[in-house]
Amino acid sequence: MVSLSKSPEKNPVHKLLSKWPLLRQIATGADGTGVEAMSNKTRGLRAHIHDT
């Protein structure tokens, strides 16, 4: 059973749910066109000609 007395950052359920872009969008009240709508994979994308 998951303890709800932990801070949200340490709660494993919170960690799992915070990875989902839709839930981040709902939680922040954002319009879904920014970082909150991006998955980890999307945030890691770079331009094909990106300088290294």
PDB file of N, CA and C in Angstrom:
ATOM      1  N   MET A   1       0.836  -1.182   0.000  1.00  0.00           N
ATOM      2  CA  MET A   1       0.000   0.000   0.000  1.00  0.00           C
ATOM      3  C   MET A   1       0.882   1.246   0.000  1.00  0.00           C
ATOM      4  N   VAL A   2       0.506   2.255  -0.747  1.00  0.00           N
ATOM      5  CA  VAL A   2       1.273   3.490  -0.868  1.00  0.00           C
ATOM      6  C   VAL A   2       0.877   4.443   0.243  1.00  0.00           C
ATOM      7  N   SER A   3       1.851   4.980   0.931  1.00  0.00           N
ATOM      8  CA  SER A   3       1.595   5.944   1.990  1.00  0.00           C
ATOM      9  C   SER A   3       1.338   7.313   1.384  1.00  0.00           C
ATOM     10  N   LEU A   4       0.234   7.924   1.764  1.00  0.00           N
ATOM     11  CA  LEU A   4      -0.103   9.244   1.245  1.00  0.00           C
ATOM     12  C   LEU A   4       0.481  10.361   2.105  1.00  0.00           C
ATOM     13  N   SER A   5       1.137  10.005   3.210  1.00  0.00           N
ATOM     14  CA  SER A   5       1.717  11.013   4.087  1.00  0.00           C
ATOM     15  C   SER A   5       3.044  11.546   3.557  1.00  0.00           C
ATOM     16  N   LYS A   6       3.605  10.869   2.572  1.00  0.00           N
ATOM     17  CA  LYS A   6       4.869  11.326   1.987  1.00  0.00           C
ATOM     18  C   LYS A   6       4.637  12.615   1.197  1.00  0.00           C
ATOM     19  N   SER A   7       5.699  13.368   0.997  1.00  0.00           N
ATOM     20  CA  SER A   7       5.583  14.529   0.125  1.00  0.00           C
ATOM     21  C   SER A   7       5.316  14.026  -1.288  1.00  0.00           C
ATOM     22  N   PRO A   8       4.620  14.810  -2.120  1.00  0.00           N
ATOM     23  CA  PRO A   8       4.278  14.352  -3.467  1.00  0.00           C
ATOM     24  C   PRO A   8       5.483  13.915  -4.293  1.00  0.00           C
ATOM     25  N   GLU A   9       6.625  14.570  -4.102  1.00  0.00           N
ATOM     26  CA  GLU A   9       7.810  14.235  -4.887  1.00  0.00           C
ATOM     27  C   GLU A   9       8.332  12.838  -4.564  1.00  0.00           C
ATOM     28  N   LYS A  10       8.095  12.362  -3.348  1.00  0.00           N
ATOM     29  CA  LYS A  10       8.592  11.057  -2.938  1.00  0.00           C
ATOM     30  C   LYS A  10       7.560   9.955  -3.121  1.00  0.00           C
ATOM     31  N   ASN A  11       6.332  10.310  -3.427  1.00  0.00           N
ATOM     32  CA  ASN A  11       5.259   9.339  -3.601  1.00  0.00           C
ATOM     33  C   ASN A  11       5.419   8.667  -4.962  1.00  0.00           C
ATOM     34  N   PRO A  12       5.582   7.340  -5.018  1.00  0.00           N
ATOM     35  CA  PRO A  12       5.800   6.658  -6.297  1.00  0.00           C
ATOM     36  C   PRO A  12       4.633   6.818  -7.275  1.00  0.00           C
ATOM     37  N   VAL A  13       3.419   6.891  -6.762  1.00  0.00           N
ATOM     38  CA  VAL A  13       2.259   7.084  -7.643  1.00  0.00           C
ATOM     39  C   VAL A  13       2.319   8.473  -8.269  1.00  0.00           C
ATOM     40  N   HIS A  14       2.660   9.467  -7.457  1.00  0.00           N
ATOM     41  CA  HIS A  14       2.779  10.836  -7.965  1.00  0.00           C
ATOM     42  C   HIS A  14       3.858  10.913  -9.041  1.00  0.00           C
ATOM     43  N   LYS A  15       4.996  10.246  -8.796  1.00  0.00           N
ATOM     44  CA  LYS A  15       6.083  10.240  -9.777  1.00  0.00           C
ATOM     45  C   LYS A  15       5.612   9.651 -11.105  1.00  0.00           C
ATOM     46  N   LEU A  16       4.881   8.538 -11.025  1.00  0.00           N
ATOM     47  CA  LEU A  16       4.388   7.883 -12.232  1.00  0.00           C
ATOM     48  C   LEU A  16       3.401   8.773 -12.978  1.00  0.00           C
ATOM     49  N   LEU A  17       2.440   9.320 -12.265  1.00  0.00           N
ATOM     50  CA  LEU A  17       1.418  10.142 -12.912  1.00  0.00           C
ATOM     51  C   LEU A  17       1.982  11.447 -13.453  1.00  0.00           C
ATOM     52  N   SER A  18       3.008  12.002 -12.809  1.00  0.00           N
ATOM     53  CA  SER A  18       3.568  13.276 -13.270  1.00  0.00           C
ATOM     54  C   SER A  18       4.340  13.130 -14.579  1.00  0.00           C
ATOM     55  N   LYS A  19       4.582  11.898 -15.016  1.00  0.00           N
ATOM     56  CA  LYS A  19       5.248  11.674 -16.299  1.00  0.00           C
ATOM     57  C   LYS A  19       4.290  11.802 -17.475  1.00  0.00           C
ATOM     58  N   TRP A  20       2.994  11.768 -17.213  1.00  0.00           N
ATOM     59  CA  TRP A  20       2.000  11.818 -18.279  1.00  0.00           C
ATOM     60  C   TRP A  20       1.695  13.262 -18.647  1.00  0.00           C
ATOM     61  N   PRO A  21       1.955  13.657 -19.892  1.00  0.00           N
ATOM     62  CA  PRO A  21       1.755  15.049 -20.303  1.00  0.00           C
ATOM     63  C   PRO A  21       0.348  15.582 -20.046  1.00  0.00           C
ATOM     64  N   LEU A  22      -0.683  14.788 -20.297  1.00  0.00           N
ATOM     65  CA  LEU A  22      -2.048  15.273 -20.089  1.00  0.00           C
ATOM     66  C   LEU A  22      -2.291  15.615 -18.618  1.00  0.00           C
ATOM     67  N   LEU A  23      -1.801  14.785 -17.723  1.00  0.00           N
ATOM     68  CA  LEU A  23      -1.996  15.054 -16.303  1.00  0.00           C
ATOM     69  C   LEU A  23      -1.211  16.275 -15.850  1.00  0.00           C
ATOM     70  N   ARG A  24      -0.010  16.480 -16.408  1.00  0.00           N
ATOM     71  CA  ARG A  24       0.749  17.708 -16.093  1.00  0.00           C
ATOM     72  C   ARG A  24      -0.017  18.928 -16.575  1.00  0.00           C
ATOM     73  N   GLN A  25      -0.624  18.841 -17.761  1.00  0.00           N
ATOM     74  CA  GLN A  25      -1.392  19.945 -18.317  1.00  0.00           C
ATOM     75  C   GLN A  25      -2.589  20.263 -17.428  1.00  0.00           C
ATOM     76  N   ILE A  26      -3.308  19.252 -16.981  1.00  0.00           N
ATOM     77  CA  ILE A  26      -4.461  19.471 -16.112  1.00  0.00           C
ATOM     78  C   ILE A  26      -4.022  20.062 -14.774  1.00  0.00           C
ATOM     79  N   ALA A  27      -2.939  19.545 -14.226  1.00  0.00           N
ATOM     80  CA  ALA A  27      -2.457  20.001 -12.916  1.00  0.00           C
ATOM     81  C   ALA A  27      -2.010  21.457 -12.937  1.00  0.00           C
ATOM     82  N   THR A  28      -1.415  21.895 -14.045  1.00  0.00           N
ATOM     83  CA  THR A  28      -0.905  23.261 -14.109  1.00  0.00           C
ATOM     84  C   THR A  28      -1.897  24.241 -14.718  1.00  0.00           C
ATOM     85  N   GLY A  29      -2.962  23.719 -15.343  1.00  0.00           N
ATOM     86  CA  GLY A  29      -3.944  24.593 -15.973  1.00  0.00           C
ATOM     87  C   GLY A  29      -3.429  25.213 -17.264  1.00  0.00           C
ATOM     88  N   ALA A  30      -2.380  24.650 -17.816  1.00  0.00           N
ATOM     89  CA  ALA A  30      -1.789  25.187 -19.043  1.00  0.00           C
ATOM     90  C   ALA A  30      -2.638  24.814 -20.262  1.00  0.00           C
ATOM     91  N   ASP A  31      -2.338  25.443 -21.385  1.00  0.00           N
ATOM     92  CA  ASP A  31      -3.135  25.198 -22.592  1.00  0.00           C
ATOM     93  C   ASP A  31      -2.627  24.037 -23.432  1.00  0.00           C
ATOM     94  N   GLY A  32      -1.554  23.403 -23.035  1.00  0.00           N
ATOM     95  CA  GLY A  32      -1.078  22.215 -23.728  1.00  0.00           C
ATOM     96  C   GLY A  32      -0.184  22.476 -24.916  1.00  0.00           C
ATOM     97  N   THR A  33       0.354  23.678 -25.019  1.00  0.00           N
ATOM     98  CA  THR A  33       1.237  23.986 -26.147  1.00  0.00           C
ATOM     99  C   THR A  33       2.690  24.160 -25.705  1.00  0.00           C
ATOM    100  N   GLY A  34       2.959  23.956 -24.444  1.00  0.00           N
ATOM    101  CA  GLY A  34       4.308  24.172 -23.918  1.00  0.00           C
ATOM    102  C   GLY A  34       4.936  22.904 -23.383  1.00  0.00           C
ATOM    103  N   VAL A  35       5.879  23.086 -22.483  1.00  0.00           N
ATOM    104  CA  VAL A  35       6.664  21.996 -21.916  1.00  0.00           C
ATOM    105  C   VAL A  35       5.769  20.965 -21.230  1.00  0.00           C
ATOM    106  N   GLU A  36       4.670  21.409 -20.617  1.00  0.00           N
ATOM    107  CA  GLU A  36       3.806  20.476 -19.897  1.00  0.00           C
ATOM    108  C   GLU A  36       3.193  19.428 -20.814  1.00  0.00           C
ATOM    109  N   ALA A  37       3.151  19.689 -22.108  1.00  0.00           N
ATOM    110  CA  ALA A  37       2.565  18.751 -23.058  1.00  0.00           C
ATOM    111  C   ALA A  37       3.610  17.831 -23.688  1.00  0.00           C
ATOM    112  N   MET A  38       4.852  17.969 -23.283  1.00  0.00           N
ATOM    113  CA  MET A  38       5.931  17.188 -23.877  1.00  0.00           C
ATOM    114  C   MET A  38       6.281  15.969 -23.031  1.00  0.00           C
ATOM    115  N   SER A  39       6.521  14.863 -23.702  1.00  0.00           N
ATOM    116  CA  SER A  39       7.016  13.682 -23.015  1.00  0.00           C
ATOM    117  C   SER A  39       8.528  13.833 -22.850  1.00  0.00           C
ATOM    118  N   ASN A  40       9.145  12.946 -22.075  1.00  0.00           N
ATOM    119  CA  ASN A  40      10.604  12.981 -21.935  1.00  0.00           C
ATOM    120  C   ASN A  40      11.271  12.811 -23.287  1.00  0.00           C
ATOM    121  N   LYS A  41      10.710  11.955 -24.125  1.00  0.00           N
ATOM    122  CA  LYS A  41      11.273  11.718 -25.453  1.00  0.00           C
ATOM    123  C   LYS A  41      11.196  12.989 -26.299  1.00  0.00           C
ATOM    124  N   THR A  42      10.058  13.679 -26.241  1.00  0.00           N
ATOM    125  CA  THR A  42       9.891  14.907 -27.014  1.00  0.00           C
ATOM    126  C   THR A  42      10.854  15.988 -26.539  1.00  0.00           C
ATOM    127  N   ARG A  43      11.000  16.127 -25.222  1.00  0.00           N
ATOM    128  CA  ARG A  43      11.918  17.143 -24.690  1.00  0.00           C
ATOM    129  C   ARG A  43      13.355  16.868 -25.101  1.00  0.00           C
ATOM    130  N   GLY A  44      13.693  15.607 -25.348  1.00  0.00           N
ATOM    131  CA  GLY A  44      15.050  15.257 -25.721  1.00  0.00           C
ATOM    132  C   GLY A  44      15.357  15.398 -27.208  1.00  0.00           C
ATOM    133  N   LEU A  45      14.345  15.692 -28.018  1.00  0.00           N
ATOM    134  CA  LEU A  45      14.572  15.829 -29.460  1.00  0.00           C
ATOM    135  C   LEU A  45      15.402  17.059 -29.773  1.00  0.00           C
ATOM    136  N   ARG A  46      16.248  16.954 -30.762  1.00  0.00           N
ATOM    137  CA  ARG A  46      17.067  18.056 -31.233  1.00  0.00           C
ATOM    138  C   ARG A  46      16.963  18.130 -32.753  1.00  0.00           C
ATOM    139  N   ALA A  47      17.274  19.265 -33.301  1.00  0.00           N
ATOM    140  CA  ALA A  47      17.251  19.437 -34.752  1.00  0.00           C
ATOM    141  C   ALA A  47      18.257  18.478 -35.399  1.00  0.00           C
ATOM    142  N   HIS A  48      17.942  18.051 -36.596  1.00  0.00           N
ATOM    143  CA  HIS A  48      18.814  17.120 -37.311  1.00  0.00           C
ATOM    144  C   HIS A  48      20.217  17.700 -37.484  1.00  0.00           C
ATOM    145  N   ILE A  49      20.316  18.998 -37.644  1.00  0.00           N
ATOM    146  CA  ILE A  49      21.617  19.646 -37.867  1.00  0.00           C
ATOM    147  C   ILE A  49      22.136  20.314 -36.593  1.00  0.00           C
ATOM    148  N   HIS A  50      21.616  19.897 -35.439  1.00  0.00           N
ATOM    149  CA  HIS A  50      22.001  20.470 -34.147  1.00  0.00           C
ATOM    150  C   HIS A  50      23.514  20.314 -33.926  1.00  0.00           C
ATOM    151  N   ASP A  51      24.161  21.413 -33.557  1.00  0.00           N
ATOM    152  CA  ASP A  51      25.602  21.373 -33.267  1.00  0.00           C
ATOM    153  C   ASP A  51      25.843  20.601 -31.978  1.00  0.00           C
ATOM    154  N   THR A  52      26.876  19.780 -31.961  1.00  0.00           N
ATOM    155  CA  THR A  52      27.192  19.017 -30.757  1.00  0.00           C
ATOM    156  C   THR A  52      28.356  19.593 -30.015  1.00  0.00           C
TER     157      THR A  52
END
